[in-house]
Amino acid sequence: MKERVREVLERDVNPMLATHGGGCELIEVTEDNVVKVRLKGACGGCPGARATLKGFVEQALKSEIPEINQVEDV
């Protein structure tokens, strides 16, 4: 599953976040299908980071990989 998550991040998530000076790095995928990521660049310190994480990153990942339970920023 880790490779599938990495692929979605690189193909769909990071290009969009890059338009705002940010990015998203995969840290781990737990045994209970929780994806842990780190928002980078402008996204890391942005006041809207939580909305970006839940409203965009999590949605993009779950639409491609429905077995994901949650996405967390670490």
PDB file of N, CA and C in Angstrom:
ATOM      1  N   MET A   1       0.816  -1.185   0.000  1.00  0.00           N
ATOM      2  CA  MET A   1       0.000   0.000   0.000  1.00  0.00           C
ATOM      3  C   MET A   1       0.871   1.263   0.000  1.00  0.00           C
ATOM      4  N   LYS A   2       2.030   1.166   0.617  1.00  0.00           N
ATOM      5  CA  LYS A   2       2.908   2.342   0.693  1.00  0.00           C
ATOM      6  C   LYS A   2       3.254   2.874  -0.700  1.00  0.00           C
ATOM      7  N   GLU A   3       3.512   1.989  -1.632  1.00  0.00           N
ATOM      8  CA  GLU A   3       3.846   2.427  -2.990  1.00  0.00           C
ATOM      9  C   GLU A   3       2.644   3.073  -3.685  1.00  0.00           C
ATOM     10  N   ARG A   4       1.465   2.550  -3.435  1.00  0.00           N
ATOM     11  CA  ARG A   4       0.256   3.150  -4.015  1.00  0.00           C
ATOM     12  C   ARG A   4       0.041   4.557  -3.476  1.00  0.00           C
ATOM     13  N   VAL A   5       0.250   4.731  -2.176  1.00  0.00           N
ATOM     14  CA  VAL A   5       0.109   6.057  -1.567  1.00  0.00           C
ATOM     15  C   VAL A   5       1.147   7.004  -2.155  1.00  0.00           C
ATOM     16  N   ARG A   6       2.375   6.555  -2.227  1.00  0.00           N
ATOM     17  CA  ARG A   6       3.455   7.384  -2.784  1.00  0.00           C
ATOM     18  C   ARG A   6       3.121   7.820  -4.218  1.00  0.00           C
ATOM     19  N   GLU A   7       2.575   6.899  -4.999  1.00  0.00           N
ATOM     20  CA  GLU A   7       2.219   7.203  -6.386  1.00  0.00           C
ATOM     21  C   GLU A   7       1.148   8.290  -6.466  1.00  0.00           C
ATOM     22  N   VAL A   8       0.108   8.202  -5.642  1.00  0.00           N
ATOM     23  CA  VAL A   8      -0.959   9.219  -5.647  1.00  0.00           C
ATOM     24  C   VAL A   8      -0.413  10.563  -5.192  1.00  0.00           C
ATOM     25  N   LEU A   9       0.442  10.550  -4.180  1.00  0.00           N
ATOM     26  CA  LEU A   9       1.031  11.805  -3.715  1.00  0.00           C
ATOM     27  C   LEU A   9       1.832  12.469  -4.833  1.00  0.00           C
ATOM     28  N   GLU A  10       2.651  11.703  -5.509  1.00  0.00           N
ATOM     29  CA  GLU A  10       3.498  12.260  -6.570  1.00  0.00           C
ATOM     30  C   GLU A  10       2.702  12.677  -7.806  1.00  0.00           C
ATOM     31  N   ARG A  11       1.699  11.902  -8.153  1.00  0.00           N
ATOM     32  CA  ARG A  11       0.932  12.164  -9.372  1.00  0.00           C
ATOM     33  C   ARG A  11      -0.124  13.251  -9.189  1.00  0.00           C
ATOM     34  N   ASP A  12      -0.847  13.219  -8.059  1.00  0.00           N
ATOM     35  CA  ASP A  12      -2.008  14.090  -7.894  1.00  0.00           C
ATOM     36  C   ASP A  12      -1.833  15.194  -6.859  1.00  0.00           C
ATOM     37  N   VAL A  13      -1.246  14.858  -5.724  1.00  0.00           N
ATOM     38  CA  VAL A  13      -1.206  15.797  -4.603  1.00  0.00           C
ATOM     39  C   VAL A  13      -0.074  16.818  -4.747  1.00  0.00           C
ATOM     40  N   ASN A  14       1.154  16.342  -4.909  1.00  0.00           N
ATOM     41  CA  ASN A  14       2.289  17.269  -4.917  1.00  0.00           C
ATOM     42  C   ASN A  14       2.274  18.288  -6.051  1.00  0.00           C
ATOM     43  N   PRO A  15       1.859  17.922  -7.251  1.00  0.00           N
ATOM     44  CA  PRO A  15       1.793  18.963  -8.290  1.00  0.00           C
ATOM     45  C   PRO A  15       0.839  20.107  -7.917  1.00  0.00           C
ATOM     46  N   MET A  16      -0.283  19.779  -7.298  1.00  0.00           N
ATOM     47  CA  MET A  16      -1.234  20.811  -6.889  1.00  0.00           C
ATOM     48  C   MET A  16      -0.664  21.657  -5.746  1.00  0.00           C
ATOM     49  N   LEU A  17      -0.090  20.998  -4.745  1.00  0.00           N
ATOM     50  CA  LEU A  17       0.477  21.740  -3.619  1.00  0.00           C
ATOM     51  C   LEU A  17       1.655  22.606  -4.061  1.00  0.00           C
ATOM     52  N   ALA A  18       2.397  22.153  -5.068  1.00  0.00           N
ATOM     53  CA  ALA A  18       3.548  22.913  -5.569  1.00  0.00           C
ATOM     54  C   ALA A  18       3.118  24.254  -6.150  1.00  0.00           C
ATOM     55  N   THR A  19       1.899  24.341  -6.647  1.00  0.00           N
ATOM     56  CA  THR A  19       1.426  25.628  -7.194  1.00  0.00           C
ATOM     57  C   THR A  19       1.284  26.674  -6.094  1.00  0.00           C
ATOM     58  N   HIS A  20       1.274  26.236  -4.840  1.00  0.00           N
ATOM     59  CA  HIS A  20       1.186  27.142  -3.698  1.00  0.00           C
ATOM     60  C   HIS A  20       2.485  27.151  -2.892  1.00  0.00           C
ATOM     61  N   GLY A  21       3.542  26.576  -3.447  1.00  0.00           N
ATOM     62  CA  GLY A  21       4.836  26.568  -2.780  1.00  0.00           C
ATOM     63  C   GLY A  21       5.001  25.497  -1.726  1.00  0.00           C
ATOM     64  N   GLY A  22       4.198  24.432  -1.806  1.00  0.00           N
ATOM     65  CA  GLY A  22       4.265  23.393  -0.784  1.00  0.00           C
ATOM     66  C   GLY A  22       4.439  22.008  -1.361  1.00  0.00           C
ATOM     67  N   GLY A  23       4.275  21.042  -0.489  1.00  0.00           N
ATOM     68  CA  GLY A  23       4.388  19.652  -0.884  1.00  0.00           C
ATOM     69  C   GLY A  23       3.969  18.762   0.269  1.00  0.00           C
ATOM     70  N   CYS A  24       3.986  17.455   0.007  1.00  0.00           N
ATOM     71  CA  CYS A  24       3.548  16.482   1.003  1.00  0.00           C
ATOM     72  C   CYS A  24       4.484  15.276   0.920  1.00  0.00           C
ATOM     73  N   GLU A  25       5.073  14.915   2.058  1.00  0.00           N
ATOM     74  CA  GLU A  25       6.018  13.810   2.123  1.00  0.00           C
ATOM     75  C   GLU A  25       5.397  12.650   2.904  1.00  0.00           C
ATOM     76  N   LEU A  26       5.466  11.455   2.354  1.00  0.00           N
ATOM     77  CA  LEU A  26       4.966  10.267   3.038  1.00  0.00           C
ATOM     78  C   LEU A  26       5.947   9.860   4.131  1.00  0.00           C
ATOM     79  N   ILE A  27       5.441   9.697   5.350  1.00  0.00           N
ATOM     80  CA  ILE A  27       6.259   9.248   6.471  1.00  0.00           C
ATOM     81  C   ILE A  27       6.056   7.751   6.687  1.00  0.00           C
ATOM     82  N   GLU A  28       4.792   7.314   6.820  1.00  0.00           N
ATOM     83  CA  GLU A  28       4.527   5.890   6.983  1.00  0.00           C
ATOM     84  C   GLU A  28       3.057   5.583   6.729  1.00  0.00           C
ATOM     85  N   VAL A  29       2.795   4.307   6.505  1.00  0.00           N
ATOM     86  CA  VAL A  29       1.440   3.777   6.454  1.00  0.00           C
ATOM     87  C   VAL A  29       1.384   2.720   7.542  1.00  0.00           C
ATOM     88  N   THR A  30       0.499   2.908   8.513  1.00  0.00           N
ATOM     89  CA  THR A  30       0.428   1.986   9.646  1.00  0.00           C
ATOM     90  C   THR A  30      -0.334   0.718   9.261  1.00  0.00           C
ATOM     91  N   GLU A  31      -0.268  -0.270  10.139  1.00  0.00           N
ATOM     92  CA  GLU A  31      -0.958  -1.540   9.907  1.00  0.00           C
ATOM     93  C   GLU A  31      -2.475  -1.372   9.836  1.00  0.00           C
ATOM     94  N   ASP A  32      -3.004  -0.328  10.497  1.00  0.00           N
ATOM     95  CA  ASP A  32      -4.449  -0.080  10.456  1.00  0.00           C
ATOM     96  C   ASP A  32      -4.820   0.949   9.387  1.00  0.00           C
ATOM     97  N   ASN A  33      -3.959   1.079   8.373  1.00  0.00           N
ATOM     98  CA  ASN A  33      -4.207   1.920   7.189  1.00  0.00           C
ATOM     99  C   ASN A  33      -4.388   3.395   7.504  1.00  0.00           C
ATOM    100  N   VAL A  34      -3.595   3.896   8.441  1.00  0.00           N
ATOM    101  CA  VAL A  34      -3.506   5.332   8.689  1.00  0.00           C
ATOM    102  C   VAL A  34      -2.256   5.816   7.965  1.00  0.00           C
ATOM    103  N   VAL A  35      -2.430   6.823   7.118  1.00  0.00           N
ATOM    104  CA  VAL A  35      -1.319   7.376   6.359  1.00  0.00           C
ATOM    105  C   VAL A  35      -0.793   8.592   7.116  1.00  0.00           C
ATOM    106  N   LYS A  36       0.503   8.583   7.410  1.00  0.00           N
ATOM    107  CA  LYS A  36       1.131   9.702   8.108  1.00  0.00           C
ATOM    108  C   LYS A  36       2.014  10.445   7.119  1.00  0.00           C
ATOM    109  N   VAL A  37       1.765  11.744   7.009  1.00  0.00           N
ATOM    110  CA  VAL A  37       2.480  12.575   6.059  1.00  0.00           C
ATOM    111  C   VAL A  37       3.024  13.817   6.772  1.00  0.00           C
ATOM    112  N   ARG A  38       3.921  14.508   6.095  1.00  0.00           N
ATOM    113  CA  ARG A  38       4.437  15.783   6.571  1.00  0.00           C
ATOM    114  C   ARG A  38       4.221  16.801   5.455  1.00  0.00           C
ATOM    115  N   LEU A  39       3.481  17.858   5.773  1.00  0.00           N
ATOM    116  CA  LEU A  39       3.313  18.938   4.815  1.00  0.00           C
ATOM    117  C   LEU A  39       4.586  19.767   4.817  1.00  0.00           C
ATOM    118  N   LYS A  40       5.072  20.132   3.635  1.00  0.00           N
ATOM    119  CA  LYS A  40       6.351  20.828   3.499  1.00  0.00           C
ATOM    120  C   LYS A  40       6.147  22.185   2.854  1.00  0.00           C
ATOM    121  N   GLY A  41       7.197  22.982   2.920  1.00  0.00           N
ATOM    122  CA  GLY A  41       7.191  24.285   2.272  1.00  0.00           C
ATOM    123  C   GLY A  41       6.117  25.189   2.837  1.00  0.00           C
ATOM    124  N   ALA A  42       5.481  25.947   1.970  1.00  0.00           N
ATOM    125  CA  ALA A  42       4.451  26.884   2.398  1.00  0.00           C
ATOM    126  C   ALA A  42       3.284  26.181   3.073  1.00  0.00           C
ATOM    127  N   CYS A  43       3.033  24.939   2.718  1.00  0.00           N
ATOM    128  CA  CYS A  43       1.917  24.200   3.308  1.00  0.00           C
ATOM    129  C   CYS A  43       2.191  23.819   4.757  1.00  0.00           C
ATOM    130  N   GLY A  44       3.455  23.672   5.129  1.00  0.00           N
ATOM    131  CA  GLY A  44       3.810  23.258   6.470  1.00  0.00           C
ATOM    132  C   GLY A  44       3.426  24.261   7.539  1.00  0.00           C
ATOM    133  N   GLY A  45       3.562  25.532   7.251  1.00  0.00           N
ATOM    134  CA  GLY A  45       3.264  26.550   8.251  1.00  0.00           C
ATOM    135  C   GLY A  45       2.007  27.347   7.960  1.00  0.00           C
ATOM    136  N   CYS A  46       1.261  26.939   6.987  1.00  0.00           N
ATOM    137  CA  CYS A  46       0.065  27.665   6.564  1.00  0.00           C
ATOM    138  C   CYS A  46      -1.056  27.505   7.591  1.00  0.00           C
ATOM    139  N   PRO A  47      -1.795  28.583   7.875  1.00  0.00           N
ATOM    140  CA  PRO A  47      -2.936  28.474   8.787  1.00  0.00           C
ATOM    141  C   PRO A  47      -4.021  27.531   8.259  1.00  0.00           C
ATOM    142  N   GLY A  48      -4.072  27.322   6.969  1.00  0.00           N
ATOM    143  CA  GLY A  48      -5.067  26.430   6.373  1.00  0.00           C
ATOM    144  C   GLY A  48      -4.564  25.011   6.173  1.00  0.00           C
ATOM    145  N   ALA A  49      -3.461  24.646   6.823  1.00  0.00           N
ATOM    146  CA  ALA A  49      -2.846  23.328   6.605  1.00  0.00           C
ATOM    147  C   ALA A  49      -3.801  22.188   6.953  1.00  0.00           C
ATOM    148  N   ARG A  50      -4.553  22.329   8.028  1.00  0.00           N
ATOM    149  CA  ARG A  50      -5.486  21.256   8.420  1.00  0.00           C
ATOM    150  C   ARG A  50      -6.557  21.073   7.341  1.00  0.00           C
ATOM    151  N   ALA A  51      -7.063  22.172   6.811  1.00  0.00           N
ATOM    152  CA  ALA A  51      -8.070  22.091   5.752  1.00  0.00           C
ATOM    153  C   ALA A  51      -7.477  21.460   4.498  1.00  0.00           C
ATOM    154  N   THR A  52      -6.240  21.791   4.183  1.00  0.00           N
ATOM    155  CA  THR A  52      -5.562  21.185   3.032  1.00  0.00           C
ATOM    156  C   THR A  52      -5.395  19.691   3.245  1.00  0.00           C
ATOM    157  N   LEU A  53      -4.994  19.321   4.456  1.00  0.00           N
ATOM    158  CA  LEU A  53      -4.764  17.909   4.753  1.00  0.00           C
ATOM    159  C   LEU A  53      -6.049  17.105   4.633  1.00  0.00           C
ATOM    160  N   LYS A  54      -7.114  17.559   5.276  1.00  0.00           N
ATOM    161  CA  LYS A  54      -8.373  16.807   5.286  1.00  0.00           C
ATOM    162  C   LYS A  54      -9.172  17.009   4.000  1.00  0.00           C
ATOM    163  N   GLY A  55      -9.207  18.221   3.505  1.00  0.00           N
ATOM    164  CA  GLY A  55     -10.051  18.527   2.360  1.00  0.00           C
ATOM    165  C   GLY A  55      -9.456  18.168   1.018  1.00  0.00           C
ATOM    166  N   PHE A  56      -8.132  18.079   0.945  1.00  0.00           N
ATOM    167  CA  PHE A  56      -7.515  17.775  -0.343  1.00  0.00           C
ATOM    168  C   PHE A  56      -6.688  16.489  -0.293  1.00  0.00           C
ATOM    169  N   VAL A  57      -5.691  16.441   0.572  1.00  0.00           N
ATOM    170  CA  VAL A  57      -4.779  15.291   0.602  1.00  0.00           C
ATOM    171  C   VAL A  57      -5.539  14.007   0.935  1.00  0.00           C
ATOM    172  N   GLU A  58      -6.316  14.034   2.023  1.00  0.00           N
ATOM    173  CA  GLU A  58      -7.054  12.839   2.425  1.00  0.00           C
ATOM    174  C   GLU A  58      -8.072  12.440   1.355  1.00  0.00           C
ATOM    175  N   GLN A  59      -8.773  13.391   0.794  1.00  0.00           N
ATOM    176  CA  GLN A  59      -9.767  13.092  -0.247  1.00  0.00           C
ATOM    177  C   GLN A  59      -9.109  12.451  -1.467  1.00  0.00           C
ATOM    178  N   ALA A  60      -7.979  13.017  -1.894  1.00  0.00           N
ATOM    179  CA  ALA A  60      -7.282  12.484  -3.070  1.00  0.00           C
ATOM    180  C   ALA A  60      -6.827  11.049  -2.831  1.00  0.00           C
ATOM    181  N   LEU A  61      -6.276  10.800  -1.648  1.00  0.00           N
ATOM    182  CA  LEU A  61      -5.804   9.449  -1.345  1.00  0.00           C
ATOM    183  C   LEU A  61      -6.954   8.458  -1.223  1.00  0.00           C
ATOM    184  N   LYS A  62      -8.004   8.838  -0.502  1.00  0.00           N
ATOM    185  CA  LYS A  62      -9.134   7.922  -0.312  1.00  0.00           C
ATOM    186  C   LYS A  62      -9.887   7.645  -1.607  1.00  0.00           C
ATOM    187  N   SER A  63      -9.890   8.590  -2.524  1.00  0.00           N
ATOM    188  CA  SER A  63     -10.590   8.346  -3.791  1.00  0.00           C
ATOM    189  C   SER A  63      -9.872   7.288  -4.622  1.00  0.00           C
ATOM    190  N   GLU A  64      -8.559   7.200  -4.482  1.00  0.00           N
ATOM    191  CA  GLU A  64      -7.773   6.198  -5.215  1.00  0.00           C
ATOM    192  C   GLU A  64      -7.566   4.916  -4.415  1.00  0.00           C
ATOM    193  N   ILE A  65      -7.519   5.048  -3.075  1.00  0.00           N
ATOM    194  CA  ILE A  65      -7.218   3.911  -2.210  1.00  0.00           C
ATOM    195  C   ILE A  65      -8.251   3.905  -1.079  1.00  0.00           C
ATOM    196  N   PRO A  66      -9.449   3.370  -1.330  1.00  0.00           N
ATOM    197  CA  PRO A  66     -10.543   3.457  -0.374  1.00  0.00           C
ATOM    198  C   PRO A  66     -10.284   2.798   0.983  1.00  0.00           C
ATOM    199  N   GLU A  67      -9.331   1.872   1.036  1.00  0.00           N
ATOM    200  CA  GLU A  67      -9.067   1.206   2.312  1.00  0.00           C
ATOM    201  C   GLU A  67      -8.305   2.072   3.316  1.00  0.00           C
ATOM    202  N   ILE A  68      -7.886   3.256   2.916  1.00  0.00           N
ATOM    203  CA  ILE A  68      -7.246   4.185   3.856  1.00  0.00           C
ATOM    204  C   ILE A  68      -8.288   4.656   4.856  1.00  0.00           C
ATOM    205  N   ASN A  69      -7.938   4.594   6.134  1.00  0.00           N
ATOM    206  CA  ASN A  69      -8.850   5.008   7.191  1.00  0.00           C
ATOM    207  C   ASN A  69      -8.736   6.482   7.522  1.00  0.00           C
ATOM    208  N   GLN A  70      -7.521   7.013   7.497  1.00  0.00           N
ATOM    209  CA  GLN A  70      -7.290   8.378   7.925  1.00  0.00           C
ATOM    210  C   GLN A  70      -5.939   8.852   7.412  1.00  0.00           C
ATOM    211  N   VAL A  71      -5.800  10.171   7.270  1.00  0.00           N
ATOM    212  CA  VAL A  71      -4.512  10.777   6.933  1.00  0.00           C
ATOM    213  C   VAL A  71      -4.178  11.757   8.050  1.00  0.00           C
ATOM    214  N   GLU A  72      -2.961  11.653   8.582  1.00  0.00           N
ATOM    215  CA  GLU A  72      -2.509  12.515   9.674  1.00  0.00           C
ATOM    216  C   GLU A  72      -1.237  13.239   9.279  1.00  0.00           C
ATOM    217  N   ASP A  73      -1.120  14.481   9.757  1.00  0.00           N
ATOM    218  CA  ASP A  73       0.119  15.257   9.592  1.00  0.00           C
ATOM    219  C   ASP A  73       0.974  15.020  10.825  1.00  0.00           C
ATOM    220  N   VAL A  74       2.231  14.695  10.626  1.00  0.00           N
ATOM    221  CA  VAL A  74       3.138  14.474  11.760  1.00  0.00           C
ATOM    222  C   VAL A  74       4.276  15.468  11.759  1.00  0.00           C
TER     223      VAL A  74
END
